N, C-alpha and C. Protein backbone atom coordinates (compact mmCIF):
# COMPACT_ATOMS: atom_id res chain seq x y z
N UNK A 1 0.93 -1.23 0.16
CA UNK A 1 -0.11 0.04 -0.06
C UNK A 1 1.01 1.33 -0.02
N UNK A 2 0.68 2.09 -0.98
CA UNK A 2 1.49 3.41 -0.84
C UNK A 2 0.30 4.29 -1.70
N UNK A 3 -0.56 4.55 -1.15
CA UNK A 3 -1.60 5.67 -1.89
C UNK A 3 -0.82 6.93 -2.01
N UNK A 4 0.18 7.39 -1.28
CA UNK A 4 0.53 8.76 -1.58
C UNK A 4 1.40 8.70 -2.83
N UNK A 5 2.22 7.76 -2.98
CA UNK A 5 3.41 7.51 -3.80
C UNK A 5 2.57 7.40 -5.32
N UNK A 6 1.69 6.52 -5.10
CA UNK A 6 0.89 6.18 -6.44
C UNK A 6 -0.03 7.64 -6.97
N UNK A 7 -0.32 8.36 -6.06
CA UNK A 7 -1.17 9.71 -6.17
C UNK A 7 -0.22 10.56 -6.81
N UNK A 8 0.91 10.89 -6.12
CA UNK A 8 1.77 11.87 -6.96
C UNK A 8 2.44 11.38 -8.29
N UNK A 9 2.62 10.21 -8.55
CA UNK A 9 3.09 9.74 -9.62
C UNK A 9 1.97 9.88 -10.65
N UNK A 10 0.66 9.47 -10.52
CA UNK A 10 -0.18 9.62 -11.33
C UNK A 10 -0.64 10.94 -11.81
N UNK A 11 -0.49 12.00 -10.91
CA UNK A 11 -0.62 13.30 -11.02
C UNK A 11 0.52 13.92 -11.87
N UNK A 12 1.57 13.69 -11.62
CA UNK A 12 2.64 14.13 -12.36
C UNK A 12 2.61 13.64 -13.65
N UNK A 13 2.20 12.36 -13.97
CA UNK A 13 2.13 12.07 -15.20
C UNK A 13 1.10 12.74 -15.97
N UNK A 14 -0.02 12.88 -15.33
CA UNK A 14 -1.06 13.56 -16.07
C UNK A 14 -0.73 14.81 -16.39
N UNK A 15 0.13 15.66 -15.35
CA UNK A 15 0.69 16.97 -15.89
C UNK A 15 1.74 17.00 -16.84
N UNK A 16 2.30 15.82 -17.23
CA UNK A 16 3.16 15.57 -18.06
C UNK A 16 4.72 16.44 -17.62
N UNK A 17 4.54 16.14 -16.17
CA UNK A 17 5.93 16.65 -15.57
C UNK A 17 6.94 15.58 -15.50
N UNK A 18 8.15 16.05 -15.84
CA UNK A 18 9.34 15.06 -15.95
C UNK A 18 9.56 14.77 -14.34
N UNK A 19 10.09 13.57 -14.07
CA UNK A 19 10.57 13.34 -12.77
C UNK A 19 11.67 14.03 -12.16
N UNK A 20 12.60 14.50 -13.13
CA UNK A 20 13.66 15.43 -12.71
C UNK A 20 13.43 16.68 -12.64
N UNK A 21 12.20 17.20 -13.18
CA UNK A 21 11.97 18.47 -13.11
C UNK A 21 11.38 18.75 -11.63
N UNK A 22 10.55 17.88 -11.25
CA UNK A 22 9.83 18.01 -9.90
C UNK A 22 10.81 17.87 -9.03
N UNK A 23 11.77 16.89 -9.02
CA UNK A 23 12.64 16.56 -7.74
C UNK A 23 13.84 17.94 -7.99
N UNK A 24 13.96 18.66 -8.96
CA UNK A 24 14.54 19.88 -8.79
C UNK A 24 13.84 20.77 -8.02
N UNK A 25 12.54 21.03 -8.36
CA UNK A 25 11.82 21.98 -7.47
C UNK A 25 11.65 21.44 -6.17
N UNK A 26 11.92 20.50 -5.93
CA UNK A 26 11.86 19.83 -4.36
C UNK A 26 13.41 20.00 -3.69
N UNK A 27 14.35 20.21 -4.57
CA UNK A 27 15.61 20.20 -4.18
C UNK A 27 16.16 18.78 -3.47
N UNK A 28 15.55 17.72 -4.30
CA UNK A 28 16.04 16.38 -4.00
C UNK A 28 16.63 15.81 -5.25
N UNK A 29 17.18 14.47 -5.26
CA UNK A 29 17.54 13.98 -6.40
C UNK A 29 16.52 13.10 -6.93
N UNK A 30 16.57 12.83 -8.29
CA UNK A 30 15.61 12.17 -9.09
C UNK A 30 15.48 10.70 -8.62
N UNK A 31 16.55 10.05 -8.09
CA UNK A 31 16.16 8.84 -7.59
C UNK A 31 15.56 8.80 -6.19
N UNK A 32 15.71 9.76 -5.40
CA UNK A 32 14.90 9.99 -4.13
C UNK A 32 13.26 10.00 -4.52
N UNK A 33 12.93 10.90 -5.45
CA UNK A 33 11.59 11.34 -5.82
C UNK A 33 11.20 9.79 -6.38
N UNK A 34 12.05 9.10 -7.24
CA UNK A 34 11.42 7.97 -7.81
C UNK A 34 11.15 6.75 -6.83
N UNK A 35 11.99 6.88 -5.76
CA UNK A 35 11.62 5.99 -4.42
C UNK A 35 10.25 6.41 -3.84
N UNK A 36 10.22 7.63 -3.64
CA UNK A 36 8.92 8.12 -2.93
C UNK A 36 7.84 7.59 -3.66
N UNK A 37 7.88 8.05 -4.77
CA UNK A 37 6.81 7.40 -5.82
C UNK A 37 6.45 5.71 -5.66
N UNK A 38 7.58 5.04 -5.75
CA UNK A 38 7.29 3.65 -5.71
C UNK A 38 7.21 3.18 -4.11
N UNK A 39 7.07 4.03 -3.19
CA UNK A 39 6.95 3.70 -1.63
C UNK A 39 8.03 2.75 -0.96
N UNK A 40 9.22 3.17 -1.55
CA UNK A 40 10.41 2.72 -0.95
C UNK A 40 11.03 3.33 -0.11
N UNK A 41 10.77 5.00 0.08
CA UNK A 41 11.32 5.95 0.83
C UNK A 41 10.12 6.93 1.35
N UNK A 42 10.19 7.64 2.18
CA UNK A 42 9.26 8.57 2.85
C UNK A 42 9.70 9.96 2.58
N UNK A 43 8.56 10.65 2.09
CA UNK A 43 8.71 11.93 1.66
C UNK A 43 8.93 12.70 3.15
N UNK A 44 9.60 13.92 3.29
CA UNK A 44 9.46 14.90 4.20
C UNK A 44 8.06 15.60 4.16
N UNK A 45 7.72 16.11 5.40
CA UNK A 45 6.49 16.83 5.35
C UNK A 45 6.38 18.05 4.66
N UNK A 46 7.68 18.70 4.62
CA UNK A 46 7.78 19.95 3.73
C UNK A 46 7.73 19.44 2.47
N UNK A 47 8.09 18.40 2.06
CA UNK A 47 8.14 18.25 0.44
C UNK A 47 6.78 17.78 -0.13
N UNK A 48 5.79 17.15 0.95
CA UNK A 48 4.51 17.05 0.73
C UNK A 48 3.80 18.39 0.52
N UNK A 49 3.88 19.10 1.25
CA UNK A 49 3.18 20.55 0.90
C UNK A 49 3.82 21.31 -0.32
N UNK A 50 4.88 21.07 -0.76
CA UNK A 50 5.59 21.53 -1.90
C UNK A 50 5.10 20.94 -3.17
N UNK A 51 4.81 19.47 -3.06
CA UNK A 51 4.35 18.73 -3.98
C UNK A 51 2.97 19.12 -4.22
N UNK A 52 2.14 19.29 -3.14
CA UNK A 52 0.63 19.88 -3.38
C UNK A 52 0.56 20.89 -4.17
N UNK A 53 1.30 22.03 -4.28
CA UNK A 53 1.52 23.12 -4.81
C UNK A 53 1.81 22.81 -6.22
N UNK A 54 2.77 21.98 -6.65
CA UNK A 54 3.38 21.75 -7.86
C UNK A 54 2.42 20.99 -8.60
N UNK A 55 1.79 20.04 -7.96
CA UNK A 55 0.83 19.26 -8.66
C UNK A 55 -0.64 19.62 -8.74
N UNK A 56 -0.72 20.71 -7.91
CA UNK A 56 -1.85 21.34 -7.69
C UNK A 56 -2.86 20.57 -7.57
N UNK A 57 -2.56 19.92 -6.01
CA UNK A 57 -3.47 18.97 -5.23
C UNK A 57 -3.89 19.42 -3.96
N UNK A 58 -4.99 19.01 -3.22
CA UNK A 58 -5.29 19.56 -2.08
C UNK A 58 -4.23 19.19 -0.98
N UNK A 59 -3.65 20.11 -0.36
CA UNK A 59 -2.74 19.86 0.51
C UNK A 59 -3.17 18.80 1.67
N UNK A 60 -4.44 19.31 2.23
CA UNK A 60 -4.54 18.40 3.54
C UNK A 60 -5.02 17.03 3.02
N UNK A 61 -5.35 16.88 1.71
CA UNK A 61 -5.75 15.51 1.25
C UNK A 61 -4.54 14.81 1.09
N UNK A 62 -3.46 15.43 0.58
CA UNK A 62 -2.37 14.62 0.57
C UNK A 62 -1.41 14.40 1.52
N UNK A 63 -1.65 15.48 2.64
CA UNK A 63 -0.91 15.27 4.09
C UNK A 63 -1.36 13.97 4.49
N UNK A 64 -2.87 14.03 4.39
CA UNK A 64 -3.53 13.07 4.95
C UNK A 64 -2.99 11.32 4.51
N UNK A 65 -2.93 11.39 3.18
CA UNK A 65 -2.43 10.18 2.38
C UNK A 65 -0.96 9.89 3.01
N UNK A 66 -0.34 10.92 2.88
CA UNK A 66 1.17 10.77 3.31
C UNK A 66 1.26 10.07 4.67
N UNK A 67 0.41 10.63 5.79
CA UNK A 67 0.45 10.20 6.98
C UNK A 67 -0.23 8.86 7.20
N UNK A 68 -1.01 8.55 6.48
CA UNK A 68 -1.58 7.38 6.55
C UNK A 68 -0.92 6.47 6.20
N UNK A 69 -0.14 6.55 4.99
CA UNK A 69 0.86 5.58 4.57
C UNK A 69 2.10 5.36 5.65
N UNK A 70 2.40 6.45 6.51
CA UNK A 70 3.48 6.27 7.43
C UNK A 70 2.93 5.40 8.78
N UNK A 71 1.68 5.84 8.94
CA UNK A 71 0.88 4.68 10.15
C UNK A 71 0.90 3.39 9.68
N UNK A 72 0.49 3.08 8.48
CA UNK A 72 0.36 1.80 8.02
C UNK A 72 1.71 1.02 7.95
N UNK A 73 2.84 1.93 7.49
CA UNK A 73 3.98 1.26 7.64
C UNK A 73 4.51 0.81 9.04
N UNK A 74 4.17 1.43 10.10
CA UNK A 74 4.19 1.18 11.49
C UNK A 74 3.47 -0.28 11.79
N UNK A 75 2.12 -0.21 11.46
CA UNK A 75 1.32 -1.21 12.19
C UNK A 75 1.14 -2.65 11.11
N UNK A 76 1.53 -2.46 9.84
CA UNK A 76 1.10 -3.60 8.95
C UNK A 76 1.41 -4.97 9.38
N UNK A 77 2.67 -5.38 10.07
CA UNK A 77 3.04 -6.40 10.65
C UNK A 77 2.69 -6.84 11.91
N UNK A 78 1.60 -6.04 12.57
CA UNK A 78 1.51 -6.22 13.97
C UNK A 78 0.06 -6.85 14.02
N UNK A 79 0.04 -7.93 14.54
CA UNK A 79 -1.22 -8.51 14.81
C UNK A 79 -2.13 -7.73 15.69
N UNK A 80 -1.87 -6.81 16.28
CA UNK A 80 -2.82 -5.97 16.90
C UNK A 80 -2.92 -4.34 16.34
N UNK A 81 -2.45 -4.51 15.30
CA UNK A 81 -2.30 -3.07 14.55
C UNK A 81 -3.64 -2.39 14.43
N UNK A 82 -4.66 -2.98 14.17
CA UNK A 82 -6.16 -2.37 13.90
C UNK A 82 -6.52 -1.93 15.42
N UNK A 83 -6.40 -2.75 16.37
CA UNK A 83 -6.69 -2.49 17.71
C UNK A 83 -5.88 -1.22 18.24
N UNK A 84 -4.66 -1.14 17.90
CA UNK A 84 -3.83 0.06 18.36
C UNK A 84 -4.21 1.17 17.62
N UNK A 85 -4.69 1.26 16.22
CA UNK A 85 -5.47 2.44 15.86
C UNK A 85 -6.64 2.84 16.37
N UNK A 86 -7.40 1.87 16.94
CA UNK A 86 -8.75 2.15 17.77
C UNK A 86 -8.30 3.01 19.00
N UNK A 87 -7.30 2.20 19.66
CA UNK A 87 -7.05 3.09 20.71
C UNK A 87 -6.43 4.64 20.67
N UNK A 88 -5.54 4.56 19.48
CA UNK A 88 -5.09 5.92 19.13
C UNK A 88 -6.11 6.78 18.61
N UNK A 89 -7.04 6.53 18.24
CA UNK A 89 -8.31 7.19 17.62
C UNK A 89 -8.98 7.66 18.94
N UNK A 90 -9.06 6.59 19.80
CA UNK A 90 -9.83 7.09 21.17
C UNK A 90 -9.17 8.21 21.89
N UNK A 91 -7.87 8.02 21.99
CA UNK A 91 -7.02 8.91 22.62
C UNK A 91 -7.05 10.36 22.07
N UNK A 92 -6.92 10.48 20.78
CA UNK A 92 -7.12 11.53 19.94
C UNK A 92 -8.49 12.33 20.09
N UNK A 93 -9.39 11.64 20.36
CA UNK A 93 -10.58 12.25 20.23
C UNK A 93 -10.91 12.58 21.71
N UNK A 94 -10.48 12.01 22.72
CA UNK A 94 -10.50 12.38 24.15
C UNK A 94 -9.61 13.49 24.27
N UNK A 95 -8.44 13.75 23.86
CA UNK A 95 -7.65 14.98 23.88
C UNK A 95 -8.25 16.13 23.05
N UNK A 96 -9.02 15.92 22.16
CA UNK A 96 -9.75 16.98 21.27
C UNK A 96 -10.76 17.80 22.54
N UNK A 97 -11.38 16.70 23.10
CA UNK A 97 -12.78 17.11 24.05
C UNK A 97 -11.98 17.74 25.47
N UNK A 98 -10.59 17.13 25.90
CA UNK A 98 -10.15 17.63 26.92
C UNK A 98 -8.68 18.13 26.86
N UNK A 99 -8.71 19.18 26.25
CA UNK A 99 -7.14 19.77 25.99
C UNK A 99 -6.50 19.96 27.22
């Protein structure tokens, strides 16, 4: 699963942007961006924001996909991964109500 990488690759190709040109705008090498698109490396948050502007994508949606991929990477091999997500969601909701 790598919805973030697949999304940026698809959008980059739709806009007919070359990998090397987008990588240059991010100030990273082409190989690194290629690995991000394939899900082999994680992008930095600052790059996600920049990519949303370059590719004309909604920043919050792209950040959500990026974060979801990072969370999934942590829990994918855990038997109790889904339970941990539920507990984390409960904690987040509690913290919103009780700051």
